[in-house]
Amino acid sequence: MLLAPEQTLFVRGDTPLLLLAGAPVHDALPLVTAPGETLPACEGWSIVPRLTLCVVDGPGDHGVVIPAFTAPVVAAAGSPAADGMAEWCTDVEKAGGAIVLSLDRLPDVIDWSALLAPGAARGGFLPAVS
């Protein structure tokens, strides 16, 4: 299923973040519940980051394709500047994956405590596929 780039936010950092709004895979992703210092890996899910397309692939028929080249890329506090998708893909490669969170709507400000509040999001860490 195709997800419009306006419904995504790619965030650079040591552990890159991909926020999805209104994604058709929302209910298939695990509910984020009181995470510790790191989010658990999403079993059966993976991410394929590419300059032109980003694929979030789940078990069975679950998954989304994002036209990444036109998607917004921002920098998390203390991370490198948000140069663009190529740099985000490099961040994912270095980290071995990305945190993918599905929300009802994209936040105006990236506030980890709000994003990770129980019941606020679904998702977790998705390993990258080369």
Protein backbone atom coordinates (compact mmCIF):
# COMPACT_ATOMS: atom_id res chain seq x y z
CA MET A 1 0.00 0.00 0.00
CA LEU A 2 1.32 3.45 -0.91
CA LEU A 3 1.58 6.04 1.88
CA ALA A 4 1.77 9.71 0.85
CA PRO A 5 5.01 11.44 1.89
CA GLU A 6 2.92 14.15 3.61
CA GLN A 7 1.85 11.46 6.09
CA THR A 8 5.45 10.76 7.12
CA LEU A 9 8.30 12.42 8.94
CA PHE A 10 11.85 11.07 8.69
CA VAL A 11 13.97 12.13 11.68
CA ARG A 12 17.77 11.90 11.63
CA GLY A 13 19.72 10.74 14.64
CA ASP A 14 21.89 7.96 16.07
CA THR A 15 18.77 5.81 15.95
CA PRO A 16 16.73 7.22 13.07
CA LEU A 17 13.01 7.63 13.44
CA LEU A 18 10.20 7.31 10.93
CA LEU A 19 6.81 8.65 11.97
CA LEU A 20 3.72 7.51 10.08
CA ALA A 21 0.30 9.17 10.29
CA GLY A 22 -2.86 7.37 9.28
CA ALA A 23 -0.89 4.40 7.99
CA PRO A 24 -2.81 1.34 6.83
CA VAL A 25 -0.42 -0.82 8.89
CA HIS A 26 -1.23 0.99 12.15
CA ASP A 27 -3.29 -1.80 13.72
CA ALA A 28 -0.81 -4.49 12.62
CA LEU A 29 2.13 -2.90 14.46
CA PRO A 30 2.61 -3.75 18.15
CA LEU A 31 1.31 -1.26 20.69
CA VAL A 32 4.04 0.76 22.41
CA THR A 33 3.57 0.18 26.13
CA ALA A 34 5.76 1.76 28.80
CA PRO A 35 9.07 1.26 27.00
CA GLY A 36 12.37 1.24 28.82
CA GLU A 37 15.47 2.90 27.44
CA THR A 38 15.06 1.19 24.05
CA LEU A 39 12.05 0.10 22.07
CA PRO A 40 11.72 -3.60 21.37
CA ALA A 41 12.24 -4.94 17.87
CA CYS A 42 9.04 -5.52 15.91
CA GLU A 43 9.03 -9.24 15.19
CA GLY A 44 8.45 -10.01 11.52
CA TRP A 45 8.91 -6.38 10.41
CA SER A 46 11.76 -4.75 8.49
CA ILE A 47 12.61 -1.48 6.78
CA VAL A 48 14.25 -0.99 3.39
CA PRO A 49 15.55 2.60 3.23
CA ARG A 50 16.31 3.93 -0.21
CA LEU A 51 16.72 7.41 -1.60
CA THR A 52 13.60 7.23 -3.76
CA LEU A 53 11.42 4.74 -1.86
CA CYS A 54 11.25 3.51 1.69
CA VAL A 55 9.52 0.20 2.34
CA VAL A 56 8.15 -0.80 5.73
CA ASP A 57 7.48 -4.52 5.40
CA GLY A 58 5.54 -6.58 7.88
CA PRO A 59 4.27 -10.09 8.21
CA GLY A 60 1.77 -11.36 5.68
CA ASP A 61 0.34 -8.63 3.46
CA HIS A 62 1.17 -5.80 5.87
CA GLY A 63 3.46 -3.08 4.60
CA VAL A 64 3.72 0.39 3.10
CA VAL A 65 5.78 2.02 0.38
CA ILE A 66 6.70 5.68 0.86
CA PRO A 67 7.91 7.94 -1.98
CA ALA A 68 10.87 8.96 0.17
CA PHE A 69 12.59 11.40 -2.15
CA THR A 70 9.89 14.03 -1.56
CA ALA A 71 9.24 13.18 2.11
CA PRO A 72 10.19 15.61 4.88
CA VAL A 73 13.47 14.97 6.72
CA VAL A 74 14.23 16.77 9.99
CA ALA A 75 16.99 16.59 12.57
CA ALA A 76 16.42 15.43 16.11
CA ALA A 77 17.89 17.60 18.85
CA GLY A 78 21.65 17.10 18.94
CA SER A 79 21.79 15.14 15.69
CA PRO A 80 23.34 16.11 12.36
CA ALA A 81 21.55 18.63 10.19
CA ALA A 82 18.61 17.34 8.20
CA ASP A 83 20.32 17.37 4.82
CA GLY A 84 17.95 14.94 3.19
CA MET A 85 16.94 11.38 2.49
CA ALA A 86 20.43 10.18 1.55
CA GLU A 87 21.72 11.14 5.00
CA TRP A 88 18.70 9.53 6.72
CA CYS A 89 19.39 6.31 4.81
CA THR A 90 23.03 6.46 5.95
CA ASP A 91 21.85 6.90 9.56
CA VAL A 92 19.66 3.78 9.18
CA GLU A 93 22.54 1.80 7.74
CA LYS A 94 24.82 2.79 10.65
CA ALA A 95 22.13 1.97 13.24
CA GLY A 96 21.13 -1.29 11.59
CA GLY A 97 17.51 -0.14 11.39
CA ALA A 98 15.11 2.56 12.49
CA ILE A 99 12.39 3.21 15.01
CA VAL A 100 9.07 3.30 13.20
CA LEU A 101 6.09 4.74 15.05
CA SER A 102 2.57 4.92 13.70
CA LEU A 103 0.35 7.68 15.08
CA ASP A 104 -3.06 9.16 14.41
CA ARG A 105 -1.40 12.37 13.22
CA LEU A 106 2.11 13.76 12.94
CA PRO A 107 3.26 15.82 15.92
CA ASP A 108 4.19 19.49 15.60
CA VAL A 109 7.18 18.91 17.89
CA ILE A 110 9.09 15.69 18.48
CA ASP A 111 8.51 15.03 22.16
CA TRP A 112 9.70 11.53 23.06
CA SER A 113 7.67 11.38 26.27
CA ALA A 114 4.49 12.12 24.31
CA LEU A 115 5.39 9.76 21.46
CA LEU A 116 6.16 6.91 23.82
CA ALA A 117 3.27 7.45 26.22
CA PRO A 118 1.29 4.22 26.61
CA GLY A 119 -1.37 4.01 23.91
CA ALA A 120 -0.03 6.95 21.88
CA ALA A 121 1.75 4.99 19.17
CA ARG A 122 2.31 1.60 17.64
CA GLY A 123 5.64 0.31 16.40
CA GLY A 124 9.19 -0.20 17.59
CA PHE A 125 12.62 -0.87 16.13
CA LEU A 126 12.65 -2.35 12.61
CA PRO A 127 15.88 -3.90 11.35
CA ALA A 128 17.16 -2.66 8.01
CA VAL A 129 17.31 -4.96 5.02
CA SER A 130 20.14 -4.33 2.58
